[in-house]
Amino acid sequence: MKIGFIGLGIMGRPMSKNLLKAGYDIVVLERSKAATELTAAGAGVAPNPKTLAEQTDVVITMLPNSPEVKEVILGVNGVIEGAKPGAVVIDMSSIAPLVSQEIAGRLEEKGIDMLDAPVSGGEPKAIEGTLSVMVGGKQEVFDRCYPVIKAMAASVVRTGEIGAGNVTKLANQVIVAINIAAMSEALVLASKAGVEPELVYQAIRGGLAGSNVLDAKAPLAMDRKFDPGFRIDLHMKDLDNVLATSHEVGVPLPLTASVMEMMQALKIDGMGDRDHGSLIQYYERMARVEVKRK
């Protein structure tokens, strides 16, 4: 099975490297900044998505948002123009579920299958190959592509038909955003009250308040490390899709909307390219305290 990979950014580059490590033949776009690094590791190159699709059985996309995915797959010289009937497109981007369904419908007209398979875990787990992947699409297509996805992930779960993967990712992003906000409120409260935040963290992490989010973000916040793993800009993009989808289906999400506005305030202050754990700085500024190790 030959795989085309489009989108060699913070997430896509380590994901494609893990496919190479697993023994898959990979083709990437030659215009990508990371193409030289991948070709040095054994990947082939193609000048555009159409040519890449002509050379491969499976095309994986890992792109910023819905417009980029639509352009690469459905645009001029796009994947749809080169993919053969029976080929599979696996979109691992986080995009709007309705856009996934629209793209899948267009591909199906050409005999091309699609899975929407967004990921969770950020850059560290992309590097480790231990991402969590939530997948929407036909069961038989999922079964056929499972080994490919598993080469990049620790957990791969099909949650329904096309679009279900991105609905699941939206739910994931709601929980992550609100968890970071709750962690921020708690540690800012502790710091302002004069209690060492490291000791508070150690005391609560083993109880009901403990979570992967707490373990991933609290130590970084206390060490004042806010380089992205997952940028505020990208989390805002996901929450924008969350809120748009919630309005379409008639579900009020007041907590999500509040966190979105906090992130918007940080973005206005020029922090959109920092890690979403920087949300704690929104609370720190209001409380005039800094959460850090003693």
C-alpha atoms as a PDB file:
ATOM      1  CA  MET A   1       0.000   0.000   0.000  1.00  0.00           C
ATOM      2  CA  LYS A   2       1.433   3.355  -1.077  1.00  0.00           C
ATOM      3  CA  ILE A   3       0.433   6.437   0.897  1.00  0.00           C
ATOM      4  CA  GLY A   4       0.351  10.101  -0.071  1.00  0.00           C
ATOM      5  CA  PHE A   5       0.661  12.558   2.811  1.00  0.00           C
ATOM      6  CA  ILE A   6      -0.376  16.212   2.445  1.00  0.00           C
ATOM      7  CA  GLY A   7       0.268  18.631   5.302  1.00  0.00           C
ATOM      8  CA  LEU A   8       3.694  18.375   6.899  1.00  0.00           C
ATOM      9  CA  GLY A   9       3.247  20.867   9.724  1.00  0.00           C
ATOM     10  CA  ILE A  10       3.695  20.485  13.476  1.00  0.00           C
ATOM     11  CA  MET A  11       1.524  17.358  13.471  1.00  0.00           C
ATOM     12  CA  GLY A  12       1.859  16.008   9.939  1.00  0.00           C
ATOM     13  CA  ARG A  13       5.624  15.828   9.821  1.00  0.00           C
ATOM     14  CA  PRO A  14       6.041  13.429  12.786  1.00  0.00           C
ATOM     15  CA  MET A  15       2.964  11.465  11.694  1.00  0.00           C
ATOM     16  CA  SER A  16       4.423  10.879   8.239  1.00  0.00           C
ATOM     17  CA  LYS A  17       7.748   9.913   9.793  1.00  0.00           C
ATOM     18  CA  ASN A  18       5.990   7.245  11.846  1.00  0.00           C
ATOM     19  CA  LEU A  19       4.449   5.832   8.671  1.00  0.00           C
ATOM     20  CA  LEU A  20       7.937   5.593   7.170  1.00  0.00           C
ATOM     21  CA  LYS A  21       9.176   3.866  10.330  1.00  0.00           C
ATOM     22  CA  ALA A  22       6.313   1.376  10.000  1.00  0.00           C
ATOM     23  CA  GLY A  23       7.556   0.445   6.529  1.00  0.00           C
ATOM     24  CA  TYR A  24       5.034   2.256   4.328  1.00  0.00           C
ATOM     25  CA  ASP A  25       6.002   3.876   1.033  1.00  0.00           C
ATOM     26  CA  ILE A  26       5.194   7.586   1.326  1.00  0.00           C
ATOM     27  CA  VAL A  27       4.805  10.353  -1.252  1.00  0.00           C
ATOM     28  CA  VAL A  28       4.732  14.014  -0.163  1.00  0.00           C
ATOM     29  CA  LEU A  29       4.311  17.318  -1.968  1.00  0.00           C
ATOM     30  CA  GLU A  30       7.648  18.703  -3.111  1.00  0.00           C
ATOM     31  CA  ARG A  31       6.600  22.282  -2.299  1.00  0.00           C
ATOM     32  CA  SER A  32       6.277  21.451   1.381  1.00  0.00           C
ATOM     33  CA  LYS A  33       8.881  22.968   3.713  1.00  0.00           C
ATOM     34  CA  ALA A  34       9.475  19.587   5.300  1.00  0.00           C
ATOM     35  CA  ALA A  35       9.692  17.684   1.998  1.00  0.00           C
ATOM     36  CA  THR A  36      13.499  17.647   1.997  1.00  0.00           C
ATOM     37  CA  GLU A  37      13.582  16.077   5.453  1.00  0.00           C
ATOM     38  CA  LEU A  38      11.037  13.431   4.445  1.00  0.00           C
ATOM     39  CA  THR A  39      12.678  12.602   1.129  1.00  0.00           C
ATOM     40  CA  ALA A  40      16.001  12.185   2.930  1.00  0.00           C
ATOM     41  CA  ALA A  41      14.221   9.569   5.073  1.00  0.00           C
ATOM     42  CA  GLY A  42      12.952   7.735   1.997  1.00  0.00           C
ATOM     43  CA  ALA A  43       9.743   9.468   0.871  1.00  0.00           C
ATOM     44  CA  GLY A  44       8.926  10.197  -2.751  1.00  0.00           C
ATOM     45  CA  VAL A  45       7.688  13.566  -3.993  1.00  0.00           C
ATOM     46  CA  ALA A  46       4.920  14.849  -6.257  1.00  0.00           C
ATOM     47  CA  PRO A  47       4.372  18.379  -7.638  1.00  0.00           C
ATOM     48  CA  ASN A  48       0.670  18.654  -6.725  1.00  0.00           C
ATOM     49  CA  PRO A  49      -2.155  16.734  -5.034  1.00  0.00           C
ATOM     50  CA  LYS A  50      -3.450  15.328  -8.339  1.00  0.00           C
ATOM     51  CA  THR A  51      -0.114  13.728  -9.214  1.00  0.00           C
ATOM     52  CA  LEU A  52       0.346  12.539  -5.647  1.00  0.00           C
ATOM     53  CA  ALA A  53      -3.058  10.820  -5.767  1.00  0.00           C
ATOM     54  CA  GLU A  54      -2.231   9.195  -9.116  1.00  0.00           C
ATOM     55  CA  GLN A  55       0.786   7.515  -7.497  1.00  0.00           C
ATOM     56  CA  THR A  56      -0.862   6.272  -4.297  1.00  0.00           C
ATOM     57  CA  ASP A  57      -3.617   4.040  -2.893  1.00  0.00           C
ATOM     58  CA  VAL A  58      -4.375   6.121   0.194  1.00  0.00           C
ATOM     59  CA  VAL A  59      -4.101   9.907   0.556  1.00  0.00           C
ATOM     60  CA  ILE A  60      -3.843  11.372   4.062  1.00  0.00           C
ATOM     61  CA  THR A  61      -4.463  15.067   4.635  1.00  0.00           C
ATOM     62  CA  MET A  62      -3.456  16.940   7.788  1.00  0.00           C
ATOM     63  CA  LEU A  63      -4.352  20.581   7.177  1.00  0.00           C
ATOM     64  CA  PRO A  64      -5.429  23.639   9.209  1.00  0.00           C
ATOM     65  CA  ASN A  65      -9.163  23.881   8.457  1.00  0.00           C
ATOM     66  CA  SER A  66     -12.073  23.201   6.124  1.00  0.00           C
ATOM     67  CA  PRO A  67     -11.114  25.574   3.255  1.00  0.00           C
ATOM     68  CA  GLU A  68      -7.623  24.099   2.927  1.00  0.00           C
ATOM     69  CA  VAL A  69      -8.956  20.543   2.928  1.00  0.00           C
ATOM     70  CA  LYS A  70     -11.574  21.372   0.277  1.00  0.00           C
ATOM     71  CA  GLU A  71      -8.971  23.089  -1.912  1.00  0.00           C
ATOM     72  CA  VAL A  72      -6.470  20.219  -1.738  1.00  0.00           C
ATOM     73  CA  ILE A  73      -9.059  17.507  -2.345  1.00  0.00           C
ATOM     74  CA  LEU A  74     -11.635  19.169  -4.607  1.00  0.00           C
ATOM     75  CA  GLY A  75      -9.742  22.108  -6.151  1.00  0.00           C
ATOM     76  CA  VAL A  76      -7.785  22.449  -9.392  1.00  0.00           C
ATOM     77  CA  ASN A  77      -5.138  19.716  -9.571  1.00  0.00           C
ATOM     78  CA  GLY A  78      -6.735  18.288  -6.449  1.00  0.00           C
ATOM     79  CA  VAL A  79      -6.787  14.754  -5.135  1.00  0.00           C
ATOM     80  CA  ILE A  80     -10.170  14.076  -6.762  1.00  0.00           C
ATOM     81  CA  GLU A  81      -8.653  14.600 -10.211  1.00  0.00           C
ATOM     82  CA  GLY A  82      -5.933  11.999  -9.707  1.00  0.00           C
ATOM     83  CA  ALA A  83      -7.271   9.350  -7.326  1.00  0.00           C
ATOM     84  CA  LYS A  84      -8.328   6.030  -8.843  1.00  0.00           C
ATOM     85  CA  PRO A  85     -11.663   4.343  -8.084  1.00  0.00           C
ATOM     86  CA  GLY A  86     -11.197   2.290  -4.931  1.00  0.00           C
ATOM     87  CA  ALA A  87      -8.662   4.720  -3.482  1.00  0.00           C
ATOM     88  CA  VAL A  88      -9.197   6.135   0.015  1.00  0.00           C
ATOM     89  CA  VAL A  89      -8.823   9.666   1.336  1.00  0.00           C
ATOM     90  CA  ILE A  90      -8.204   9.860   5.087  1.00  0.00           C
ATOM     91  CA  ASP A  91      -8.652  13.419   6.281  1.00  0.00           C
ATOM     92  CA  MET A  92      -6.963  13.683   9.676  1.00  0.00           C
ATOM     93  CA  SER A  93      -7.530  17.439   9.916  1.00  0.00           C
ATOM     94  CA  SER A  94      -9.990  18.881  12.416  1.00  0.00           C
ATOM     95  CA  ILE A  95     -12.740  20.440  10.293  1.00  0.00           C
ATOM     96  CA  ALA A  96     -16.489  21.020  10.309  1.00  0.00           C
ATOM     97  CA  PRO A  97     -18.443  17.727  10.133  1.00  0.00           C
ATOM     98  CA  LEU A  98     -20.717  19.010   7.363  1.00  0.00           C
ATOM     99  CA  VAL A  99     -17.658  19.800   5.233  1.00  0.00           C
ATOM    100  CA  SER A 100     -16.417  16.231   5.731  1.00  0.00           C
ATOM    101  CA  GLN A 101     -19.764  14.964   4.496  1.00  0.00           C
ATOM    102  CA  GLU A 102     -19.698  17.319   1.504  1.00  0.00           C
ATOM    103  CA  ILE A 103     -16.202  16.222   0.455  1.00  0.00           C
ATOM    104  CA  ALA A 104     -17.067  12.550   0.963  1.00  0.00           C
ATOM    105  CA  GLY A 105     -20.137  12.935  -1.266  1.00  0.00           C
ATOM    106  CA  ARG A 106     -18.072  14.431  -4.081  1.00  0.00           C
ATOM    107  CA  LEU A 107     -15.443  11.703  -3.780  1.00  0.00           C
ATOM    108  CA  GLU A 108     -18.068   8.966  -3.734  1.00  0.00           C
ATOM    109  CA  GLU A 109     -19.288  10.144  -7.150  1.00  0.00           C
ATOM    110  CA  LYS A 110     -15.819   9.180  -8.463  1.00  0.00           C
ATOM    111  CA  GLY A 111     -15.729   5.834  -6.650  1.00  0.00           C
ATOM    112  CA  ILE A 112     -13.310   7.128  -3.999  1.00  0.00           C
ATOM    113  CA  ASP A 113     -13.853   6.317  -0.319  1.00  0.00           C
ATOM    114  CA  MET A 114     -13.197   8.671   2.582  1.00  0.00           C
ATOM    115  CA  LEU A 115     -12.670   8.563   6.317  1.00  0.00           C
ATOM    116  CA  ASP A 116     -12.702  11.628   8.553  1.00  0.00           C
ATOM    117  CA  ALA A 117     -10.140  10.841  11.232  1.00  0.00           C
ATOM    118  CA  PRO A 118      -9.139  13.831  13.375  1.00  0.00           C
ATOM    119  CA  VAL A 119      -6.584  13.331  16.110  1.00  0.00           C
ATOM    120  CA  SER A 120      -5.974  14.325  19.710  1.00  0.00           C
ATOM    121  CA  GLY A 121      -2.718  14.429  21.619  1.00  0.00           C
ATOM    122  CA  GLY A 122      -0.749  17.324  20.167  1.00  0.00           C
ATOM    123  CA  GLU A 123       2.815  17.357  18.921  1.00  0.00           C
ATOM    124  CA  PRO A 124       4.315  15.183  21.708  1.00  0.00           C
ATOM    125  CA  LYS A 125       2.012  12.263  20.965  1.00  0.00           C
ATOM    126  CA  ALA A 126       2.359  12.796  17.212  1.00  0.00           C
ATOM    127  CA  ILE A 127       6.112  12.348  17.675  1.00  0.00           C
ATOM    128  CA  GLU A 128       5.638   9.295  19.899  1.00  0.00           C
ATOM    129  CA  GLY A 129       3.070   7.760  17.561  1.00  0.00           C
ATOM    130  CA  THR A 130       0.568   7.563  20.414  1.00  0.00           C
ATOM    131  CA  LEU A 131      -2.218   9.821  19.144  1.00  0.00           C
ATOM    132  CA  SER A 132      -5.895   9.174  19.798  1.00  0.00           C
ATOM    133  CA  VAL A 133      -7.801   9.016  16.512  1.00  0.00           C
ATOM    134  CA  MET A 134     -11.581   9.242  16.189  1.00  0.00           C
ATOM    135  CA  VAL A 135     -12.885   8.015  12.841  1.00  0.00           C
ATOM    136  CA  GLY A 136     -16.034   8.394  10.785  1.00  0.00           C
ATOM    137  CA  GLY A 137     -16.796   6.353   7.669  1.00  0.00           C
ATOM    138  CA  LYS A 138     -17.816   2.952   6.356  1.00  0.00           C
ATOM    139  CA  GLN A 139     -16.864   0.002   8.543  1.00  0.00           C
ATOM    140  CA  GLU A 140     -15.176  -1.876   5.695  1.00  0.00           C
ATOM    141  CA  VAL A 141     -13.065   1.146   4.748  1.00  0.00           C
ATOM    142  CA  PHE A 142     -12.123   1.654   8.396  1.00  0.00           C
ATOM    143  CA  ASP A 143     -11.088  -2.000   8.696  1.00  0.00           C
ATOM    144  CA  ARG A 144      -8.941  -1.750   5.564  1.00  0.00           C
ATOM    145  CA  CYS A 145      -7.172   1.411   6.723  1.00  0.00           C
ATOM    146  CA  TYR A 146      -6.902   0.574  10.425  1.00  0.00           C
ATOM    147  CA  PRO A 147      -3.247  -0.638  10.226  1.00  0.00           C
ATOM    148  CA  VAL A 148      -2.223   2.595   8.481  1.00  0.00           C
ATOM    149  CA  ILE A 149      -3.840   4.794  11.115  1.00  0.00           C
ATOM    150  CA  LYS A 150      -2.588   2.592  13.963  1.00  0.00           C
ATOM    151  CA  ALA A 151       0.999   3.204  12.816  1.00  0.00           C
ATOM    152  CA  MET A 152       0.524   6.782  14.062  1.00  0.00           C
ATOM    153  CA  ALA A 153      -1.663   6.173  17.094  1.00  0.00           C
ATOM    154  CA  ALA A 154      -2.214   4.379  20.375  1.00  0.00           C
ATOM    155  CA  SER A 155      -6.007   4.515  20.097  1.00  0.00           C
ATOM    156  CA  VAL A 156      -8.114   4.302  16.921  1.00  0.00           C
ATOM    157  CA  VAL A 157     -11.894   4.218  17.395  1.00  0.00           C
ATOM    158  CA  ARG A 158     -14.618   4.356  14.743  1.00  0.00           C
ATOM    159  CA  THR A 159     -17.476   6.450  16.121  1.00  0.00           C
ATOM    160  CA  GLY A 160     -19.929   6.257  13.213  1.00  0.00           C
ATOM    161  CA  GLU A 161     -20.445   7.223   9.581  1.00  0.00           C
ATOM    162  CA  ILE A 162     -18.671  10.035   7.752  1.00  0.00           C
ATOM    163  CA  GLY A 163     -18.599  13.206   9.848  1.00  0.00           C
ATOM    164  CA  ALA A 164     -18.773  11.311  13.143  1.00  0.00           C
ATOM    165  CA  GLY A 165     -15.012  11.555  13.578  1.00  0.00           C
ATOM    166  CA  ASN A 166     -15.120  15.332  13.502  1.00  0.00           C
ATOM    167  CA  VAL A 167     -18.176  15.490  15.766  1.00  0.00           C
ATOM    168  CA  THR A 168     -16.196  13.407  18.255  1.00  0.00           C
ATOM    169  CA  LYS A 169     -13.190  15.715  17.882  1.00  0.00           C
ATOM    170  CA  LEU A 170     -15.399  18.720  18.573  1.00  0.00           C
ATOM    171  CA  ALA A 171     -16.595  17.043  21.777  1.00  0.00           C
ATOM    172  CA  ASN A 172     -12.958  16.360  22.665  1.00  0.00           C
ATOM    173  CA  GLN A 173     -12.007  20.003  22.148  1.00  0.00           C
ATOM    174  CA  VAL A 174     -14.872  21.203  24.338  1.00  0.00           C
ATOM    175  CA  ILE A 175     -13.668  19.009  27.199  1.00  0.00           C
ATOM    176  CA  VAL A 176     -10.013  20.017  26.767  1.00  0.00           C
ATOM    177  CA  ALA A 177     -10.790  23.746  26.624  1.00  0.00           C
ATOM    178  CA  ILE A 178     -13.011  23.712  29.699  1.00  0.00           C
ATOM    179  CA  ASN A 179     -10.520  21.530  31.597  1.00  0.00           C
ATOM    180  CA  ILE A 180      -7.712  24.021  30.916  1.00  0.00           C
ATOM    181  CA  ALA A 181      -9.949  26.858  32.082  1.00  0.00           C
ATOM    182  CA  ALA A 182     -10.879  24.974  35.272  1.00  0.00           C
ATOM    183  CA  MET A 183      -7.226  24.133  35.972  1.00  0.00           C
ATOM    184  CA  SER A 184      -6.333  27.790  35.450  1.00  0.00           C
ATOM    185  CA  GLU A 185      -8.986  29.048  37.847  1.00  0.00           C
ATOM    186  CA  ALA A 186      -7.939  26.545  40.512  1.00  0.00           C
ATOM    187  CA  LEU A 187      -4.200  27.199  40.362  1.00  0.00           C
ATOM    188  CA  VAL A 188      -4.627  30.969  40.212  1.00  0.00           C
ATOM    189  CA  LEU A 189      -6.891  30.766  43.277  1.00  0.00           C
ATOM    190  CA  ALA A 190      -4.319  28.693  45.142  1.00  0.00           C
ATOM    191  CA  SER A 191      -1.449  31.005  44.212  1.00  0.00           C
ATOM    192  CA  LYS A 192      -3.339  34.157  45.175  1.00  0.00           C
ATOM    193  CA  ALA A 193      -4.260  32.560  48.509  1.00  0.00           C
ATOM    194  CA  GLY A 194      -0.584  31.889  49.205  1.00  0.00           C
ATOM    195  CA  VAL A 195      -0.581  28.114  48.708  1.00  0.00           C
ATOM    196  CA  GLU A 196       2.167  26.615  46.555  1.00  0.00           C
ATOM    197  CA  PRO A 197       0.555  25.499  43.255  1.00  0.00           C
ATOM    198  CA  GLU A 198       2.910  22.537  42.849  1.00  0.00           C
ATOM    199  CA  LEU A 199       1.701  21.075  46.140  1.00  0.00           C
ATOM    200  CA  VAL A 200      -1.932  21.701  45.188  1.00  0.00           C
ATOM    201  CA  TYR A 201      -1.345  19.929  41.885  1.00  0.00           C
ATOM    202  CA  GLN A 202       0.307  16.932  43.561  1.00  0.00           C
ATOM    203  CA  ALA A 203      -2.491  16.728  46.120  1.00  0.00           C
ATOM    204  CA  ILE A 204      -5.381  16.705  43.654  1.00  0.00           C
ATOM    205  CA  ARG A 205      -3.985  14.886  40.617  1.00  0.00           C
ATOM    206  CA  GLY A 206      -4.692  11.435  42.065  1.00  0.00           C
ATOM    207  CA  GLY A 207      -8.296  12.198  42.947  1.00  0.00           C
ATOM    208  CA  LEU A 208     -11.446  12.968  41.010  1.00  0.00           C
ATOM    209  CA  ALA A 209     -10.014  16.282  39.795  1.00  0.00           C
ATOM    210  CA  GLY A 210      -7.106  14.512  38.130  1.00  0.00           C
ATOM    211  CA  SER A 211      -7.017  14.325  34.339  1.00  0.00           C
ATOM    212  CA  ASN A 212      -4.680  14.002  31.375  1.00  0.00           C
ATOM    213  CA  VAL A 213      -5.208  17.703  30.743  1.00  0.00           C
ATOM    214  CA  LEU A 214      -4.136  18.569  34.295  1.00  0.00           C
ATOM    215  CA  ASP A 215      -1.021  16.377  34.041  1.00  0.00           C
ATOM    216  CA  ALA A 216      -0.093  17.756  30.633  1.00  0.00           C
ATOM    217  CA  LYS A 217      -0.692  21.468  31.268  1.00  0.00           C
ATOM    218  CA  ALA A 218      -0.172  22.221  34.971  1.00  0.00           C
ATOM    219  CA  PRO A 219       3.578  21.413  35.040  1.00  0.00           C
ATOM    220  CA  LEU A 220       4.161  23.494  31.898  1.00  0.00           C
ATOM    221  CA  ALA A 221       2.215  26.431  33.325  1.00  0.00           C
ATOM    222  CA  MET A 222       4.173  26.326  36.578  1.00  0.00           C
ATOM    223  CA  ASP A 223       7.443  26.201  34.596  1.00  0.00           C
ATOM    224  CA  ARG A 224       6.181  29.104  32.432  1.00  0.00           C
ATOM    225  CA  LYS A 225       6.564  27.057  29.258  1.00  0.00           C
ATOM    226  CA  PHE A 226       4.001  28.169  26.697  1.00  0.00           C
ATOM    227  CA  ASP A 227       5.598  27.171  23.408  1.00  0.00           C
ATOM    228  CA  PRO A 228       2.996  25.382  21.284  1.00  0.00           C
ATOM    229  CA  GLY A 229       2.154  21.976  21.416  1.00  0.00           C
ATOM    230  CA  PHE A 230      -1.294  23.171  20.330  1.00  0.00           C
ATOM    231  CA  ARG A 231      -1.716  26.836  19.502  1.00  0.00           C
ATOM    232  CA  ILE A 232      -4.519  29.024  20.816  1.00  0.00           C
ATOM    233  CA  ASP A 233      -5.300  29.967  17.205  1.00  0.00           C
ATOM    234  CA  LEU A 234      -5.945  26.317  16.345  1.00  0.00           C
ATOM    235  CA  HIS A 235      -8.055  25.683  19.426  1.00  0.00           C
ATOM    236  CA  MET A 236     -10.105  28.758  18.560  1.00  0.00           C
ATOM    237  CA  LYS A 237     -10.599  27.344  15.063  1.00  0.00           C
ATOM    238  CA  ASP A 238     -11.915  24.129  16.597  1.00  0.00           C
ATOM    239  CA  LEU A 239     -14.191  25.976  19.018  1.00  0.00           C
ATOM    240  CA  ASP A 240     -15.509  28.066  16.134  1.00  0.00           C
ATOM    241  CA  ASN A 241     -16.486  24.786  14.441  1.00  0.00           C
ATOM    242  CA  VAL A 242     -17.945  23.564  17.740  1.00  0.00           C
ATOM    243  CA  LEU A 243     -20.161  26.611  18.133  1.00  0.00           C
ATOM    244  CA  ALA A 244     -21.208  26.638  14.467  1.00  0.00           C
ATOM    245  CA  THR A 245     -22.181  22.969  14.702  1.00  0.00           C
ATOM    246  CA  SER A 246     -23.972  23.487  18.017  1.00  0.00           C
ATOM    247  CA  HIS A 247     -26.056  26.251  16.459  1.00  0.00           C
ATOM    248  CA  GLU A 248     -26.889  24.057  13.474  1.00  0.00           C
ATOM    249  CA  VAL A 249     -28.171  21.218  15.659  1.00  0.00           C
ATOM    250  CA  GLY A 250     -29.675  23.390  18.413  1.00  0.00           C
ATOM    251  CA  VAL A 251     -27.420  22.794  21.409  1.00  0.00           C
ATOM    252  CA  PRO A 252     -26.482  25.735  23.676  1.00  0.00           C
ATOM    253  CA  LEU A 253     -22.857  25.582  24.897  1.00  0.00           C
ATOM    254  CA  PRO A 254     -22.410  28.458  27.354  1.00  0.00           C
ATOM    255  CA  LEU A 255     -19.155  27.238  28.932  1.00  0.00           C
ATOM    256  CA  THR A 256     -17.529  26.667  25.552  1.00  0.00           C
ATOM    257  CA  ALA A 257     -18.591  30.139  24.416  1.00  0.00           C
ATOM    258  CA  SER A 258     -17.026  31.658  27.538  1.00  0.00           C
ATOM    259  CA  VAL A 259     -13.690  29.925  26.996  1.00  0.00           C
ATOM    260  CA  MET A 260     -13.766  30.991  23.344  1.00  0.00           C
ATOM    261  CA  GLU A 261     -14.013  34.626  24.466  1.00  0.00           C
ATOM    262  CA  MET A 262     -11.096  34.174  26.890  1.00  0.00           C
ATOM    263  CA  MET A 263      -8.966  32.817  24.050  1.00  0.00           C
ATOM    264  CA  GLN A 264     -10.109  35.686  21.853  1.00  0.00           C
ATOM    265  CA  ALA A 265      -8.833  38.139  24.473  1.00  0.00           C
ATOM    266  CA  LEU A 266      -5.430  36.416  24.470  1.00  0.00           C
ATOM    267  CA  LYS A 267      -5.325  36.451  20.681  1.00  0.00           C
ATOM    268  CA  ILE A 268      -5.983  40.209  20.678  1.00  0.00           C
ATOM    269  CA  ASP A 269      -2.997  40.536  23.033  1.00  0.00           C
ATOM    270  CA  GLY A 270      -0.813  38.803  20.431  1.00  0.00           C
ATOM    271  CA  MET A 271      -0.781  35.359  22.054  1.00  0.00           C
ATOM    272  CA  GLY A 272      -2.602  33.376  19.381  1.00  0.00           C
ATOM    273  CA  ASP A 273       0.540  31.458  18.452  1.00  0.00           C
ATOM    274  CA  ARG A 274       1.172  30.298  22.031  1.00  0.00           C
ATOM    275  CA  ASP A 275       0.079  27.006  23.572  1.00  0.00           C
ATOM    276  CA  HIS A 276      -3.545  26.761  24.683  1.00  0.00           C
ATOM    277  CA  GLY A 277      -2.209  26.244  28.212  1.00  0.00           C
ATOM    278  CA  SER A 278      -1.521  29.997  28.058  1.00  0.00           C
ATOM    279  CA  LEU A 279      -5.186  30.379  28.953  1.00  0.00           C
ATOM    280  CA  ILE A 280      -3.963  30.500  32.555  1.00  0.00           C
ATOM    281  CA  GLN A 281      -2.474  33.923  31.801  1.00  0.00           C
ATOM    282  CA  TYR A 282      -5.959  35.316  31.208  1.00  0.00           C
ATOM    283  CA  TYR A 283      -6.766  34.553  34.866  1.00  0.00           C
ATOM    284  CA  GLU A 284      -3.345  35.608  36.123  1.00  0.00           C
ATOM    285  CA  ARG A 285      -3.783  39.089  34.670  1.00  0.00           C
ATOM    286  CA  MET A 286      -7.159  39.562  36.320  1.00  0.00           C
ATOM    287  CA  ALA A 287      -5.915  38.269  39.688  1.00  0.00           C
ATOM    288  CA  ARG A 288      -2.504  39.966  39.418  1.00  0.00           C
ATOM    289  CA  VAL A 289      -0.663  36.821  40.355  1.00  0.00           C
ATOM    290  CA  GLU A 290       1.626  34.393  38.539  1.00  0.00           C
ATOM    291  CA  VAL A 291       1.375  30.629  38.917  1.00  0.00           C
ATOM    292  CA  LYS A 292       4.898  29.238  39.202  1.00  0.00           C
ATOM    293  CA  ARG A 293       6.998  26.816  41.175  1.00  0.00           C
ATOM    294  CA  LYS A 294       8.642  28.156  44.324  1.00  0.00           C
END
